[in-house]
Amino acid sequence: MNIYLDNAATAKQHPAAAQEVAYANENLFYNSAALYKPSLTVKNEIARAGEIIKRRLARTGGGEITFTSGATESNNIVILGKVTRKAMGGQSGGHHLLVLEGEHSSVYAPAKYLRDNGFDVGFVPLNRDGTCDLTALRRLVRHDTALFVFGLVNSDTGCIQNAAEIVRVVRDRNRGVHIHCDATQGFAKIPFDAVALGIDSVAISAHKIGGPKGVGVLWFSSKLSTIKPLMHGGGQQFLRPGTENTPAILGFAKAAEVWDTDVNLAKASQLHERLIRGLPAGCTVNGINNNPYITNIQLPSGVLGQTVMNALAVVGICVGLGSACASAAVKNRTLLAMGIAEARTKQVLRVSFGINNTSQDVDTFLAELKKVLGELR
């Protein structure tokens, strides 16, 4: 048995993306910065890939992109590049950073780093259902807030934030705030238009939708000049110098191109409904439960998620406990921010669907989960 239900951690590479990577490795290995014809071809192919991804981020295809190693790097570029430090005395440069609670570690860690080094950093609380507390957000945005960061989809609970309302509240308080969205878990999976929403920058990763690992995008609107690059070197990309990873970039574009949002969302919804209907007695769902791709299951009291996950792994079923990048963390910040008791935050499983999952996968998982829980009881 081999059932993979941890697609929020990473997804199996799509065959079309793998084929594109292989072709580029063999035929488009030239450095795009060189001036001979094969290199110009590579440069054009990278530009074409960028246009494909931009059209998935905004219907108009507007904005500009920088290719990165993934959303972690993209988030760090914005957070560390936007909030600057005064040269004298190492004091905060008067810029206030605001971050939504429970965000991915690639947002939380750089924000905490800045806070620990004297910067003015605030956190916006979550409601019990995992959504942003808009009343608190309205109160916390200040005249000197330079940057607000939130995730479109929470990687622990799957909660889809109301991006339109979040942007409206921030703009009503301070139109000059740079709004950055980590859309890693939502890109292509749910309807999203960065331009229409008025978002200033967006971070995404390829491997969540069947693209290669180690490649992502930082999309930005017209406020690029307000972000300072963290690295300096070649002139390939303003915010990220260095030779581009052409095969990975083209593989990302192919994965984005073949991903069918409507079809895949409908399939995930069917699997999600089957999952919820069949949950064993004593199991509930944490959060607003508005995302069919990711479900955070609260296990019966006293049953550790780690124990159940290990038991399922023995029979060939892979599930998660939460964000893979925080799997070694002692506490689940998202669930704690939602007001869930610390002991209960360790009694959860995260099930996340991909395009290769089937109804039989769900049925088998539910049957094995019931068996494990019965044995533990």
Protein backbone atom coordinates (compact mmCIF):
# COMPACT_ATOMS: atom_id res chain seq x y z
CA MET A 1 0.00 0.00 0.00
CA ASN A 2 1.27 3.47 -0.86
CA ILE A 3 -1.18 6.31 -0.21
CA TYR A 4 0.19 9.84 -0.10
CA LEU A 5 -2.03 12.35 1.72
CA ASP A 6 0.53 15.04 2.54
CA ASN A 7 0.41 17.09 -0.64
CA ALA A 8 0.61 20.37 1.27
CA ALA A 9 4.18 19.37 2.17
CA THR A 10 5.02 18.69 -1.46
CA ALA A 11 3.33 17.20 -4.50
CA LYS A 12 4.54 14.57 -6.92
CA GLN A 13 6.05 16.21 -9.95
CA HIS A 14 3.67 16.35 -12.90
CA PRO A 15 4.91 14.28 -15.87
CA ALA A 16 4.66 17.29 -18.18
CA ALA A 17 6.80 19.35 -15.80
CA ALA A 18 9.36 16.56 -15.48
CA GLN A 19 9.54 16.29 -19.26
CA GLU A 20 10.08 20.03 -19.56
CA VAL A 21 12.89 19.91 -17.00
CA ALA A 22 14.58 17.05 -18.85
CA TYR A 23 14.32 18.85 -22.20
CA ALA A 24 15.79 22.05 -20.74
CA ASN A 25 18.65 20.18 -19.10
CA GLU A 26 19.57 18.62 -22.42
CA ASN A 27 18.92 21.48 -24.83
CA LEU A 28 18.75 24.79 -22.91
CA PHE A 29 21.80 24.56 -20.68
CA TYR A 30 23.29 27.86 -21.92
CA ASN A 31 23.73 30.83 -19.60
CA SER A 32 20.97 33.33 -20.33
CA ALA A 33 23.35 36.23 -19.64
CA ALA A 34 25.64 35.36 -22.58
CA LEU A 35 25.15 37.12 -25.92
CA TYR A 36 25.29 34.30 -28.47
CA LYS A 37 22.13 32.99 -30.07
CA PRO A 38 21.52 29.84 -27.95
CA SER A 39 21.72 31.99 -24.80
CA LEU A 40 19.23 34.47 -26.22
CA THR A 41 16.90 31.53 -26.82
CA VAL A 42 17.24 30.56 -23.15
CA LYS A 43 16.58 34.15 -22.08
CA ASN A 44 13.42 34.24 -24.20
CA GLU A 45 12.24 30.92 -22.77
CA ILE A 46 12.67 32.24 -19.22
CA ALA A 47 10.70 35.34 -20.14
CA ARG A 48 7.95 33.17 -21.67
CA ALA A 49 7.81 31.09 -18.49
CA GLY A 50 7.45 34.26 -16.48
CA GLU A 51 4.48 35.38 -18.56
CA ILE A 52 2.72 32.04 -18.00
CA ILE A 53 3.12 32.31 -14.24
CA LYS A 54 2.08 35.97 -14.18
CA ARG A 55 -1.18 35.10 -15.91
CA ARG A 56 -1.89 32.59 -13.14
CA LEU A 57 -1.33 35.31 -10.54
CA ALA A 58 -3.41 37.98 -12.29
CA ARG A 59 -5.83 37.79 -15.20
CA THR A 60 -4.23 40.81 -16.83
CA GLY A 61 -0.78 39.26 -16.60
CA GLY A 62 0.34 42.46 -14.91
CA GLY A 63 3.17 42.99 -12.48
CA GLU A 64 6.75 41.78 -12.55
CA ILE A 65 8.38 38.65 -11.20
CA THR A 66 11.69 37.52 -9.79
CA PHE A 67 12.50 33.82 -9.86
CA THR A 68 13.74 32.57 -6.50
CA SER A 69 14.54 29.25 -4.84
CA GLY A 70 11.03 29.13 -3.38
CA ALA A 71 8.52 30.97 -1.21
CA THR A 72 10.87 30.92 1.78
CA GLU A 73 13.40 33.06 -0.07
CA SER A 74 10.66 35.24 -1.57
CA ASN A 75 9.16 35.96 1.86
CA ASN A 76 12.57 36.77 3.31
CA ILE A 77 13.39 39.13 0.44
CA VAL A 78 10.27 41.17 1.10
CA ILE A 79 10.35 41.15 4.90
CA LEU A 80 14.06 41.84 5.31
CA GLY A 81 14.29 44.06 2.23
CA LYS A 82 11.38 46.28 3.16
CA VAL A 83 11.99 46.87 6.85
CA THR A 84 15.32 48.67 7.02
CA ARG A 85 17.65 49.56 9.87
CA LYS A 86 19.12 52.98 10.62
CA ALA A 87 22.85 53.10 10.05
CA MET A 88 23.43 54.86 13.37
CA GLY A 89 22.99 52.94 16.59
CA GLY A 90 21.36 49.91 15.04
CA GLN A 91 17.89 51.21 15.83
CA SER A 92 14.72 50.49 13.92
CA GLY A 93 14.39 52.68 10.86
CA GLY A 94 10.94 53.88 11.89
CA HIS A 95 9.26 51.10 9.92
CA HIS A 96 6.56 49.05 11.60
CA LEU A 97 6.14 45.43 10.45
CA LEU A 98 2.80 43.69 10.96
CA VAL A 99 2.34 39.93 10.49
CA LEU A 100 -0.72 37.71 10.78
CA GLU A 101 -0.44 35.18 13.59
CA GLY A 102 0.07 31.53 12.74
CA GLU A 103 1.95 32.16 9.52
CA HIS A 104 4.44 29.77 7.94
CA SER A 105 7.90 29.74 9.50
CA SER A 106 9.33 31.47 6.41
CA VAL A 107 7.28 34.51 7.47
CA TYR A 108 7.39 34.11 11.24
CA ALA A 109 11.15 33.44 11.52
CA PRO A 110 12.38 36.59 9.70
CA ALA A 111 9.75 38.66 11.54
CA LYS A 112 10.96 37.26 14.86
CA TYR A 113 14.57 37.88 13.81
CA LEU A 114 13.75 41.55 13.19
CA ARG A 115 11.85 41.84 16.48
CA ASP A 116 14.73 40.24 18.40
CA ASN A 117 17.10 42.77 16.84
CA GLY A 118 15.26 45.91 17.82
CA PHE A 119 12.66 46.33 15.09
CA ASP A 120 9.06 47.26 15.76
CA VAL A 121 7.09 44.11 14.92
CA GLY A 122 3.45 43.36 15.72
CA PHE A 123 1.26 40.30 15.22
CA VAL A 124 -2.41 40.30 14.23
CA PRO A 125 -4.43 37.66 16.11
CA LEU A 126 -6.57 34.93 14.59
CA ASN A 127 -10.20 34.21 15.34
CA ARG A 128 -11.12 30.82 16.78
CA ASP A 129 -11.87 29.54 13.25
CA GLY A 130 -8.42 30.55 11.98
CA THR A 131 -9.49 33.63 10.05
CA CYS A 132 -7.84 37.01 10.50
CA ASP A 133 -9.32 39.14 13.29
CA LEU A 134 -10.25 42.14 11.13
CA THR A 135 -11.15 44.30 14.12
CA ALA A 136 -7.70 43.77 15.60
CA LEU A 137 -6.09 44.34 12.20
CA ARG A 138 -7.86 47.69 11.91
CA ARG A 139 -6.59 48.66 15.35
CA LEU A 140 -3.00 47.51 14.79
CA VAL A 141 -2.29 49.19 11.43
CA ARG A 142 -0.47 52.45 12.19
CA HIS A 143 0.63 55.55 10.32
CA ASP A 144 4.20 54.17 10.27
CA THR A 145 3.31 50.60 9.26
CA ALA A 146 5.55 49.82 6.31
CA LEU A 147 4.63 46.21 5.64
CA PHE A 148 1.80 43.79 6.41
CA VAL A 149 2.25 40.08 5.65
CA PHE A 150 -0.44 37.41 5.56
CA GLY A 151 -0.90 33.97 4.06
CA LEU A 152 -3.66 33.35 1.56
CA VAL A 153 -4.03 29.76 2.82
CA ASN A 154 -2.78 28.60 6.19
CA SER A 155 -0.52 25.58 5.80
CA ASP A 156 -1.62 24.00 9.09
CA THR A 157 -5.40 24.32 8.90
CA GLY A 158 -6.01 25.14 5.23
CA CYS A 159 -7.99 28.24 6.23
CA ILE A 160 -8.52 30.49 3.21
CA GLN A 161 -8.29 34.10 4.34
CA ASN A 162 -10.64 36.76 2.99
CA ALA A 163 -7.91 38.59 1.09
CA ALA A 164 -10.26 41.27 -0.27
CA GLU A 165 -11.44 42.25 3.22
CA ILE A 166 -7.93 42.17 4.62
CA VAL A 167 -6.67 44.51 1.90
CA ARG A 168 -9.66 46.82 2.36
CA VAL A 169 -9.09 47.14 6.11
CA VAL A 170 -5.38 47.86 5.70
CA ARG A 171 -5.93 50.41 2.92
CA ASP A 172 -8.66 52.18 4.91
CA ARG A 173 -6.20 52.70 7.74
CA ASN A 174 -3.05 53.44 5.73
CA ARG A 175 -2.93 53.41 1.94
CA GLY A 176 0.85 53.41 1.92
CA VAL A 177 1.31 50.00 3.56
CA HIS A 178 3.04 47.41 1.39
CA ILE A 179 0.83 44.30 1.51
CA HIS A 180 2.63 41.01 0.94
CA CYS A 181 0.80 37.71 0.51
CA ASP A 182 2.32 34.26 0.91
CA ALA A 183 0.11 32.41 -1.58
CA THR A 184 2.12 29.19 -1.59
CA GLN A 185 -0.72 26.87 -0.57
CA GLY A 186 -3.32 28.66 -2.69
CA PHE A 187 -1.55 29.43 -5.98
CA ALA A 188 -3.51 27.94 -8.90
CA LYS A 189 -5.60 25.87 -6.48
CA ILE A 190 -8.15 28.57 -5.66
CA PRO A 191 -9.25 31.67 -7.61
CA PHE A 192 -6.85 34.53 -6.90
CA ASP A 193 -5.98 37.77 -8.69
CA ALA A 194 -3.24 39.85 -7.08
CA VAL A 195 -3.85 42.88 -9.29
CA ALA A 196 -7.60 42.95 -8.73
CA LEU A 197 -7.09 42.58 -4.98
CA GLY A 198 -4.54 45.39 -4.84
CA ILE A 199 -1.79 43.27 -3.29
CA ASP A 200 1.77 44.57 -3.68
CA SER A 201 3.76 41.34 -3.67
CA VAL A 202 3.14 37.59 -3.66
CA ALA A 203 5.32 34.56 -2.87
CA ILE A 204 4.75 31.12 -4.43
CA SER A 205 6.58 27.80 -4.84
CA ALA A 206 6.53 25.37 -7.75
CA HIS A 207 6.50 22.07 -5.89
CA LYS A 208 3.05 22.56 -4.36
CA ILE A 209 1.41 22.15 -7.78
CA GLY A 210 3.64 19.47 -9.28
CA GLY A 211 6.56 21.62 -10.35
CA PRO A 212 10.21 21.05 -9.39
CA LYS A 213 11.47 21.68 -5.87
CA GLY A 214 13.83 24.57 -5.28
CA VAL A 215 12.16 27.16 -7.50
CA GLY A 216 9.62 29.83 -6.74
CA VAL A 217 8.50 33.31 -7.68
CA LEU A 218 8.26 36.68 -6.03
CA TRP A 219 5.60 38.66 -7.88
CA PHE A 220 5.45 42.38 -7.27
CA SER A 221 3.48 45.34 -8.53
CA SER A 222 4.81 48.85 -8.94
CA LYS A 223 6.40 49.07 -5.49
CA LEU A 224 9.57 47.16 -6.37
CA SER A 225 11.72 50.22 -5.73
CA THR A 226 10.71 50.20 -2.06
CA ILE A 227 12.30 46.78 -1.50
CA LYS A 228 16.07 46.63 -1.15
CA PRO A 229 17.86 43.54 -2.52
CA LEU A 230 19.49 41.34 0.10
CA MET A 231 22.17 40.04 -2.28
CA HIS A 232 24.39 41.79 -4.81
CA GLY A 233 26.24 40.38 -7.77
CA GLY A 234 25.28 39.76 -11.37
CA GLY A 235 22.61 41.79 -13.09
CA GLN A 236 20.29 38.92 -14.01
CA GLN A 237 17.47 39.94 -11.65
CA PHE A 238 17.36 43.10 -9.55
CA LEU A 239 16.14 41.42 -6.37
CA ARG A 240 17.96 38.14 -6.89
CA PRO A 241 21.28 38.17 -8.77
CA GLY A 242 22.82 35.00 -10.11
CA THR A 243 22.36 32.64 -13.04
CA GLU A 244 18.77 31.46 -13.31
CA ASN A 245 17.86 27.80 -12.85
CA THR A 246 16.41 27.43 -16.35
CA PRO A 247 15.19 23.80 -16.15
CA ALA A 248 13.38 24.41 -12.86
CA ILE A 249 11.87 27.67 -14.10
CA LEU A 250 10.51 26.05 -17.25
CA GLY A 251 9.25 23.08 -15.24
CA PHE A 252 7.42 25.51 -12.94
CA ALA A 253 5.79 27.25 -15.88
CA LYS A 254 4.68 23.93 -17.37
CA ALA A 255 3.16 22.82 -14.05
CA ALA A 256 1.28 26.13 -13.83
CA GLU A 257 0.17 25.83 -17.43
CA VAL A 258 -1.33 22.34 -17.12
CA TRP A 259 -2.96 22.86 -13.71
CA ASP A 260 -6.75 23.07 -14.18
CA THR A 261 -8.09 25.09 -11.25
CA ASP A 262 -11.78 24.26 -11.75
CA VAL A 263 -11.36 20.54 -12.40
CA ASN A 264 -8.86 19.98 -9.60
CA LEU A 265 -10.87 22.03 -7.11
CA ALA A 266 -14.02 20.05 -7.89
CA LYS A 267 -12.16 16.77 -7.40
CA ALA A 268 -10.60 17.93 -4.13
CA SER A 269 -14.05 19.02 -2.92
CA GLN A 270 -15.47 15.54 -3.55
CA LEU A 271 -12.60 13.91 -1.68
CA HIS A 272 -12.94 16.39 1.16
CA GLU A 273 -16.66 15.73 1.57
CA ARG A 274 -15.98 11.99 1.64
CA LEU A 275 -13.31 12.51 4.27
CA ILE A 276 -15.51 14.65 6.53
CA ARG A 277 -18.48 12.30 6.27
CA GLY A 278 -16.37 9.30 7.27
CA LEU A 279 -14.35 10.69 10.18
CA PRO A 280 -14.38 8.31 13.17
CA ALA A 281 -16.28 9.21 16.32
CA GLY A 282 -14.37 11.66 18.48
CA CYS A 283 -12.61 13.32 15.52
CA THR A 284 -13.43 16.91 14.58
CA VAL A 285 -12.04 19.51 12.18
CA ASN A 286 -10.04 22.54 13.34
CA GLY A 287 -10.72 25.87 11.69
CA ILE A 288 -13.27 27.23 9.29
CA ASN A 289 -12.91 24.16 7.04
CA ASN A 290 -13.31 26.21 3.83
CA ASN A 291 -10.51 24.56 1.85
CA PRO A 292 -10.96 21.06 0.39
CA TYR A 293 -7.23 20.61 -0.20
CA ILE A 294 -6.15 20.78 3.47
CA THR A 295 -7.97 19.41 6.54
CA ASN A 296 -6.70 19.64 10.11
CA ILE A 297 -8.22 16.75 12.07
CA GLN A 298 -8.51 16.98 15.84
CA LEU A 299 -8.10 13.47 17.24
CA PRO A 300 -9.90 12.14 20.33
CA SER A 301 -8.59 13.46 23.63
CA GLY A 302 -5.34 11.83 24.72
CA VAL A 303 -4.43 10.46 21.27
CA LEU A 304 -1.17 11.93 19.97
CA GLY A 305 -0.95 12.80 16.30
CA GLN A 306 2.62 11.53 16.13
CA THR A 307 1.51 8.11 17.34
CA VAL A 308 -1.28 7.86 14.78
CA MET A 309 0.92 9.19 11.98
CA ASN A 310 3.57 6.57 12.71
CA ALA A 311 0.99 3.78 12.83
CA LEU A 312 -0.46 4.84 9.48
CA ALA A 313 3.04 5.05 7.97
CA VAL A 314 3.61 1.41 8.88
CA VAL A 315 0.78 0.39 6.53
CA GLY A 316 1.93 2.80 3.80
CA ILE A 317 -0.25 5.86 4.41
CA CYS A 318 1.53 9.21 4.59
CA VAL A 319 -0.16 12.10 6.43
CA GLY A 320 1.23 15.14 8.18
CA LEU A 321 0.97 16.85 11.53
CA GLY A 322 1.10 20.36 10.10
CA SER A 323 3.47 22.50 8.08
CA ALA A 324 6.42 20.34 6.99
CA CYS A 325 8.81 23.26 7.52
CA ALA A 326 7.79 23.38 11.19
CA SER A 327 7.55 19.62 11.78
CA ALA A 328 10.34 19.74 14.36
CA ALA A 329 8.79 22.65 16.24
CA VAL A 330 7.72 22.06 19.82
CA LYS A 331 4.47 24.02 19.46
CA ASN A 332 1.96 24.56 16.67
CA ARG A 333 1.72 28.35 16.53
CA THR A 334 -1.36 28.37 14.31
CA LEU A 335 -3.50 26.22 16.57
CA LEU A 336 -2.29 28.05 19.66
CA ALA A 337 -3.22 31.37 18.02
CA MET A 338 -6.72 29.96 17.44
CA GLY A 339 -7.09 29.39 21.17
CA ILE A 340 -6.63 25.62 21.13
CA ALA A 341 -5.01 24.25 24.29
CA GLU A 342 -1.35 23.32 23.87
CA ALA A 343 -1.92 19.67 24.76
CA ARG A 344 -4.64 19.42 22.12
CA THR A 345 -2.39 20.94 19.44
CA LYS A 346 -0.31 17.75 19.62
CA GLN A 347 -3.38 15.61 18.99
CA VAL A 348 -3.95 16.46 15.32
CA LEU A 349 -3.37 15.11 11.84
CA ARG A 350 -3.18 17.11 8.62
CA VAL A 351 -4.61 15.48 5.51
CA SER A 352 -3.92 17.27 2.23
CA PHE A 353 -5.07 16.16 -1.20
CA GLY A 354 -3.36 16.29 -4.59
CA ILE A 355 -4.46 15.60 -8.15
CA ASN A 356 -3.41 11.94 -7.91
CA ASN A 357 -5.59 11.05 -4.93
CA THR A 358 -8.72 8.92 -5.32
CA SER A 359 -11.87 8.06 -3.41
CA GLN A 360 -10.28 4.70 -2.59
CA ASP A 361 -7.38 6.54 -0.93
CA VAL A 362 -9.84 8.33 1.34
CA ASP A 363 -11.76 5.16 2.18
CA THR A 364 -8.58 3.25 2.98
CA PHE A 365 -7.27 6.07 5.15
CA LEU A 366 -10.54 6.25 7.10
CA ALA A 367 -10.61 2.48 7.61
CA GLU A 368 -7.02 2.41 8.86
CA LEU A 369 -7.58 5.48 11.05
CA LYS A 370 -10.55 3.81 12.72
CA LYS A 371 -8.46 0.68 13.25
CA VAL A 372 -5.59 2.61 14.81
CA LEU A 373 -7.87 4.61 17.10
CA GLY A 374 -9.63 1.42 18.16
CA GLU A 375 -6.33 -0.19 19.08
CA LEU A 376 -5.18 2.88 21.02
CA ARG A 377 -8.42 3.00 22.96
